C-alpha atoms as a PDB file:
ATOM      1  CA  MET A   1     -83.313 114.707   0.819  1.00  0.00           C
ATOM      2  CA  THR A   2     -84.839 111.156   2.860  1.00  0.00           C
ATOM      3  CA  LEU A   3     -82.528 110.729   4.997  1.00  0.00           C
ATOM      4  CA  PHE A   4     -82.843 114.389   5.581  1.00  0.00           C
ATOM      5  CA  LEU A   5     -86.856 114.331   6.302  1.00  0.00           C
ATOM      6  CA  ALA A   6     -85.861 111.110   7.869  1.00  0.00           C
ATOM      7  CA  ARG A   7     -83.828 113.103  10.576  1.00  0.00           C
ATOM      8  CA  ALA A   8     -86.155 115.245  10.060  1.00  0.00           C
ATOM      9  CA  VAL A   9     -89.011 113.966  11.207  1.00  0.00           C
ATOM     10  CA  LEU A  10     -87.092 111.041  14.117  1.00  0.00           C
ATOM     11  CA  GLY A  11     -85.881 115.439  15.595  1.00  0.00           C
ATOM     12  CA  LEU A  12     -89.837 116.416  15.833  1.00  0.00           C
ATOM     13  CA  VAL A  13     -91.370 112.464  18.256  1.00  0.00           C
ATOM     14  CA  LEU A  14     -88.199 113.533  20.239  1.00  0.00           C
ATOM     15  CA  SER A  15     -88.856 116.886  21.405  1.00  0.00           C
ATOM     16  CA  LEU A  16     -92.178 115.797  21.611  1.00  0.00           C
ATOM     17  CA  ASN A  17     -91.165 112.937  23.194  1.00  0.00           C
ATOM     18  CA  ALA A  18     -89.456 115.117  26.543  1.00  0.00           C
ATOM     19  CA  SER A  19     -92.094 117.792  25.477  1.00  0.00           C
ATOM     20  CA  LEU A  20     -94.624 115.135  27.519  1.00  0.00           C
ATOM     21  CA  VAL A  21     -92.905 112.741  29.868  1.00  0.00           C
ATOM     22  CA  GLY A  22     -91.384 116.430  31.237  1.00  0.00           C
ATOM     23  CA  CYS A  23     -87.427 117.195  30.848  1.00  0.00           C
ATOM     24  CA  GLY A  24     -85.647 114.449  31.429  1.00  0.00           C
ATOM     25  CA  PRO A  25     -84.261 111.731  33.439  1.00  0.00           C
ATOM     26  CA  ALA A  26     -84.319 113.723  36.374  1.00  0.00           C
ATOM     27  CA  LEU A  27     -87.993 113.535  36.493  1.00  0.00           C
ATOM     28  CA  GLN A  28     -88.375 110.146  36.155  1.00  0.00           C
ATOM     29  CA  VAL A  29     -87.206 109.630  39.769  1.00  0.00           C
ATOM     30  CA  ALA A  30     -90.179 108.457  42.130  1.00  0.00           C
ATOM     31  CA  PHE A  31     -90.860 109.817  45.610  1.00  0.00           C
ATOM     32  CA  GLU A  32     -87.753 108.811  48.188  1.00  0.00           C
ATOM     33  CA  LYS A  33     -87.463 109.635  51.787  1.00  0.00           C
ATOM     34  CA  VAL A  34     -84.031 111.001  53.266  1.00  0.00           C
ATOM     35  CA  ALA A  35     -83.394 108.345  55.524  1.00  0.00           C
ATOM     36  CA  PRO A  36     -81.860 108.975  58.101  1.00  0.00           C
ATOM     37  CA  ILE A  37     -82.488 113.111  58.839  1.00  0.00           C
ATOM     38  CA  PRO A  38     -79.008 114.291  59.685  1.00  0.00           C
ATOM     39  CA  GLU A  39     -78.215 114.951  63.200  1.00  0.00           C
ATOM     40  CA  GLY A  40     -78.735 118.511  64.694  1.00  0.00           C
ATOM     41  CA  ARG A  41     -80.797 119.176  61.202  1.00  0.00           C
ATOM     42  CA  GLY A  42     -83.717 119.260  59.836  1.00  0.00           C
ATOM     43  CA  MET A  43     -85.273 118.394  56.653  1.00  0.00           C
ATOM     44  CA  LEU A  44     -88.100 120.404  54.385  1.00  0.00           C
ATOM     45  CA  TYR A  45     -89.918 118.560  51.207  1.00  0.00           C
ATOM     46  CA  ILE A  46     -91.184 120.926  48.521  1.00  0.00           C
ATOM     47  CA  TYR A  47     -93.459 120.378  45.744  1.00  0.00           C
ATOM     48  CA  GLN A  48     -95.936 120.658  43.004  1.00  0.00           C
ATOM     49  CA  ASP A  49     -99.995 119.921  43.050  1.00  0.00           C
ATOM     50  CA  PRO A  50     -98.986 116.634  41.231  1.00  0.00           C
ATOM     51  CA  LEU A  51    -103.099 117.777  40.228  1.00  0.00           C
ATOM     52  CA  ASP A  52    -102.414 121.108  38.358  1.00  0.00           C
ATOM     53  CA  PRO A  53    -102.329 120.071  35.308  1.00  0.00           C
ATOM     54  CA  TYR A  54    -100.724 123.505  34.328  1.00  0.00           C
ATOM     55  CA  SER A  55     -98.130 123.754  36.080  1.00  0.00           C
ATOM     56  CA  ASP A  56     -95.203 126.625  35.933  1.00  0.00           C
ATOM     57  CA  ARG A  57     -91.803 125.830  36.197  1.00  0.00           C
ATOM     58  CA  ILE A  58     -91.599 127.656  39.596  1.00  0.00           C
ATOM     59  CA  ASP A  59     -87.529 128.987  41.313  1.00  0.00           C
ATOM     60  CA  ILE A  60     -87.242 128.038  44.950  1.00  0.00           C
ATOM     61  CA  GLN A  61     -85.872 129.680  46.747  1.00  0.00           C
ATOM     62  CA  ILE A  62     -84.085 128.686  51.030  1.00  0.00           C
ATOM     63  CA  ASN A  63     -83.222 132.010  53.166  1.00  0.00           C
ATOM     64  CA  GLY A  64     -82.387 134.263  50.259  1.00  0.00           C
ATOM     65  CA  LYS A  65     -80.546 131.175  48.351  1.00  0.00           C
ATOM     66  CA  ASP A  66     -81.769 130.431  45.186  1.00  0.00           C
ATOM     67  CA  VAL A  67     -82.477 125.780  45.649  1.00  0.00           C
ATOM     68  CA  SER A  68     -84.312 124.335  43.021  1.00  0.00           C
ATOM     69  CA  THR A  69     -86.260 124.926  39.818  1.00  0.00           C
ATOM     70  CA  LEU A  70     -90.319 123.117  40.648  1.00  0.00           C
ATOM     71  CA  ARG A  71     -91.835 121.479  37.852  1.00  0.00           C
ATOM     72  CA  PRO A  72     -94.925 120.460  36.411  1.00  0.00           C
ATOM     73  CA  ARG A  73     -95.641 117.037  39.503  1.00  0.00           C
ATOM     74  CA  GLY A  74     -92.293 118.553  40.741  1.00  0.00           C
ATOM     75  CA  TYR A  75     -90.793 117.494  44.097  1.00  0.00           C
ATOM     76  CA  PHE A  76     -86.938 118.084  46.205  1.00  0.00           C
ATOM     77  CA  SER A  77     -86.113 117.428  49.499  1.00  0.00           C
ATOM     78  CA  TYR A  78     -83.675 119.904  51.084  1.00  0.00           C
ATOM     79  CA  VAL A  79     -81.756 119.662  54.117  1.00  0.00           C
ATOM     80  CA  VAL A  80     -81.879 122.792  56.528  1.00  0.00           C
ATOM     81  CA  ASN A  81     -80.931 123.834  60.151  1.00  0.00           C
ATOM     82  CA  PRO A  82     -83.567 124.944  63.424  1.00  0.00           C
ATOM     83  CA  GLY A  83     -84.759 127.133  63.903  1.00  0.00           C
ATOM     84  CA  GLU A  84     -87.051 130.113  61.238  1.00  0.00           C
ATOM     85  CA  VAL A  85     -86.392 128.630  57.460  1.00  0.00           C
ATOM     86  CA  THR A  86     -88.106 131.073  54.503  1.00  0.00           C
ATOM     87  CA  LEU A  87     -89.205 129.665  51.318  1.00  0.00           C
ATOM     88  CA  ALA A  88     -89.902 131.672  48.287  1.00  0.00           C
ATOM     89  CA  GLY A  89     -90.950 130.662  44.925  1.00  0.00           C
ATOM     90  CA  THR A  90     -90.833 133.220  41.543  1.00  0.00           C
ATOM     91  CA  LYS A  91     -91.061 132.491  37.960  1.00  0.00           C
ATOM     92  CA  LYS A  92     -88.861 132.662  35.599  1.00  0.00           C
ATOM     93  CA  PHE A  93     -88.927 136.304  33.198  1.00  0.00           C
ATOM     94  CA  SER A  94     -92.000 137.127  35.563  1.00  0.00           C
ATOM     95  CA  MET A  95     -92.795 141.175  36.774  1.00  0.00           C
ATOM     96  CA  ILE A  96     -94.818 139.558  39.411  1.00  0.00           C
ATOM     97  CA  SER A  97     -93.448 138.697  43.408  1.00  0.00           C
ATOM     98  CA  GLY A  98     -93.914 134.685  43.690  1.00  0.00           C
ATOM     99  CA  PRO A  99     -95.506 133.730  47.470  1.00  0.00           C
ATOM    100  CA  SER A 100     -93.626 133.371  50.364  1.00  0.00           C
ATOM    101  CA  ILE A 101     -93.622 131.403  53.779  1.00  0.00           C
ATOM    102  CA  THR A 102     -91.916 131.269  57.461  1.00  0.00           C
ATOM    103  CA  LEU A 103     -91.750 127.648  58.880  1.00  0.00           C
ATOM    104  CA  ASP A 104     -89.935 126.633  62.301  1.00  0.00           C
ATOM    105  CA  VAL A 105     -88.022 123.873  62.057  1.00  0.00           C
ATOM    106  CA  LYS A 106     -86.899 122.200  65.014  1.00  0.00           C
ATOM    107  CA  ALA A 107     -84.230 119.602  64.514  1.00  0.00           C
ATOM    108  CA  GLY A 108     -84.710 115.941  63.869  1.00  0.00           C
ATOM    109  CA  GLN A 109     -88.548 117.727  62.652  1.00  0.00           C
ATOM    110  CA  VAL A 110     -89.812 116.748  58.969  1.00  0.00           C
ATOM    111  CA  ARG A 111     -91.565 119.044  57.172  1.00  0.00           C
ATOM    112  CA  TYR A 112     -93.818 119.350  53.347  1.00  0.00           C
ATOM    113  CA  VAL A 113     -94.274 122.656  51.117  1.00  0.00           C
ATOM    114  CA  LYS A 114     -96.266 122.439  48.500  1.00  0.00           C
ATOM    115  CA  LEU A 115     -97.092 124.892  45.758  1.00  0.00           C
ATOM    116  CA  TYR A 116    -100.439 124.737  44.101  1.00  0.00           C
ATOM    117  CA  ARG A 117    -102.489 127.086  42.722  1.00  0.00           C
ATOM    118  CA  ASP A 118    -105.415 129.405  43.777  1.00  0.00           C
ATOM    119  CA  TRP A 119    -107.625 128.666  40.323  1.00  0.00           C
ATOM    120  CA  GLY A 120    -110.151 131.809  43.212  1.00  0.00           C
ATOM    121  CA  ARG A 121    -107.933 134.307  42.657  1.00  0.00           C
ATOM    122  CA  VAL A 122    -107.137 134.049  38.079  1.00  0.00           C
ATOM    123  CA  ARG A 123    -104.902 136.937  37.062  1.00  0.00           C
ATOM    124  CA  SER A 124    -103.345 136.849  33.452  1.00  0.00           C
ATOM    125  CA  SER A 125     -99.800 135.706  33.219  1.00  0.00           C
ATOM    126  CA  ASP A 126     -97.019 137.375  31.532  1.00  0.00           C
ATOM    127  CA  ASP A 127     -97.855 135.558  27.824  1.00  0.00           C
ATOM    128  CA  GLY A 128    -102.384 136.918  28.265  1.00  0.00           C
ATOM    129  CA  SER A 129    -103.597 133.858  28.675  1.00  0.00           C
ATOM    130  CA  LYS A 130    -105.304 133.616  32.335  1.00  0.00           C
ATOM    131  CA  ARG A 131    -103.391 131.355  35.339  1.00  0.00           C
ATOM    132  CA  GLY A 132    -104.403 130.848  39.497  1.00  0.00           C
ATOM    133  CA  TRP A 133    -101.541 132.378  41.903  1.00  0.00           C
ATOM    134  CA  TYR A 134     -98.963 130.732  43.379  1.00  0.00           C
ATOM    135  CA  HIS A 135     -99.453 130.227  47.435  1.00  0.00           C
ATOM    136  CA  LEU A 136     -96.528 127.678  49.588  1.00  0.00           C
ATOM    137  CA  VAL A 137     -98.516 125.505  51.844  1.00  0.00           C
ATOM    138  CA  GLU A 138     -97.434 123.604  54.854  1.00  0.00           C
ATOM    139  CA  ILE A 139     -99.252 120.250  54.550  1.00  0.00           C
ATOM    140  CA  PRO A 140    -100.086 117.764  57.504  1.00  0.00           C
ATOM    141  CA  VAL A 141     -97.142 114.771  56.484  1.00  0.00           C
ATOM    142  CA  LEU A 142    -100.534 111.870  56.404  1.00  0.00           C
ATOM    143  CA  ARG A 143    -101.819 114.134  53.710  1.00  0.00           C
ATOM    144  CA  ALA A 144     -98.159 115.332  52.355  1.00  0.00           C
ATOM    145  CA  GLU A 145     -97.034 111.476  51.787  1.00  0.00           C
ATOM    146  CA  LYS A 146     -99.628 110.725  49.815  1.00  0.00           C
ATOM    147  CA  GLU A 147     -99.671 112.888  47.579  1.00  0.00           C
ATOM    148  CA  ILE A 148     -95.768 113.891  47.445  1.00  0.00           C
ATOM    149  CA  ILE A 149     -95.743 110.236  45.686  1.00  0.00           C
ATOM    150  CA  GLU A 150     -96.559 110.999  42.056  1.00  0.00           C
ATOM    151  CA  CYS A 151     -94.402 113.096  42.191  1.00  0.00           C
ATOM    152  CA  ARG A 152     -90.296 113.368  40.489  1.00  0.00           C
ATOM    153  CA  LEU A 153     -87.353 114.245  41.560  1.00  0.00           C
ATOM    154  CA  VAL A 154     -85.814 117.715  40.224  1.00  0.00           C
ATOM    155  CA  PRO A 155     -82.233 118.447  41.081  1.00  0.00           C
ATOM    156  CA  VAL A 156     -81.488 121.237  43.167  1.00  0.00           C
ATOM    157  CA  LEU A 157     -78.679 123.668  42.860  1.00  0.00           C
END
C-alpha cells in the first residue's frame, strides 16, 4: 500500500510540474533567429503574446494548411514563398472561427505576426468563462524582437 501511495503522489507531482512549465521539452528552447533565410524565400515568425497569462492553444494554418499549435508564450518560424500568405487561427473544439491576416511577403523579407487577445471585446467561451477575442497582427520588427525573446519554440507539423 505504501508503494502505491508513493507512486500516486509522484504521479501527481510530475503532472502538476508538467502543467506549470508548459508541456514538455519543446517549450524549453528559447527564441533563436533562423539564419540565413533560404534564397528566394521569406520568413515568418508567429508568436503568442508573452504577457497574456490566460492564453489558449490556438491551431495556426498558413494558406489553408495546418502548420502548428501555438501554446501560451510559444513561437515558431515558417519559410514561405514570396507572394500573398494568409494566416488563420482556430481553437480546437470551438464553433467560433478564429482570426486571420494576409501578408504580401517578399523574397528575403522577415515578418513577425503576433496572436494576441483583445480584452476590450469579451465573449463567453465554450465552457462559459469570459475570454477576449483573438487577433493575428503584424508587429514591427524592433518591437517584435523585444517581445518574442520571452517565447519558447513550439513544434511545426
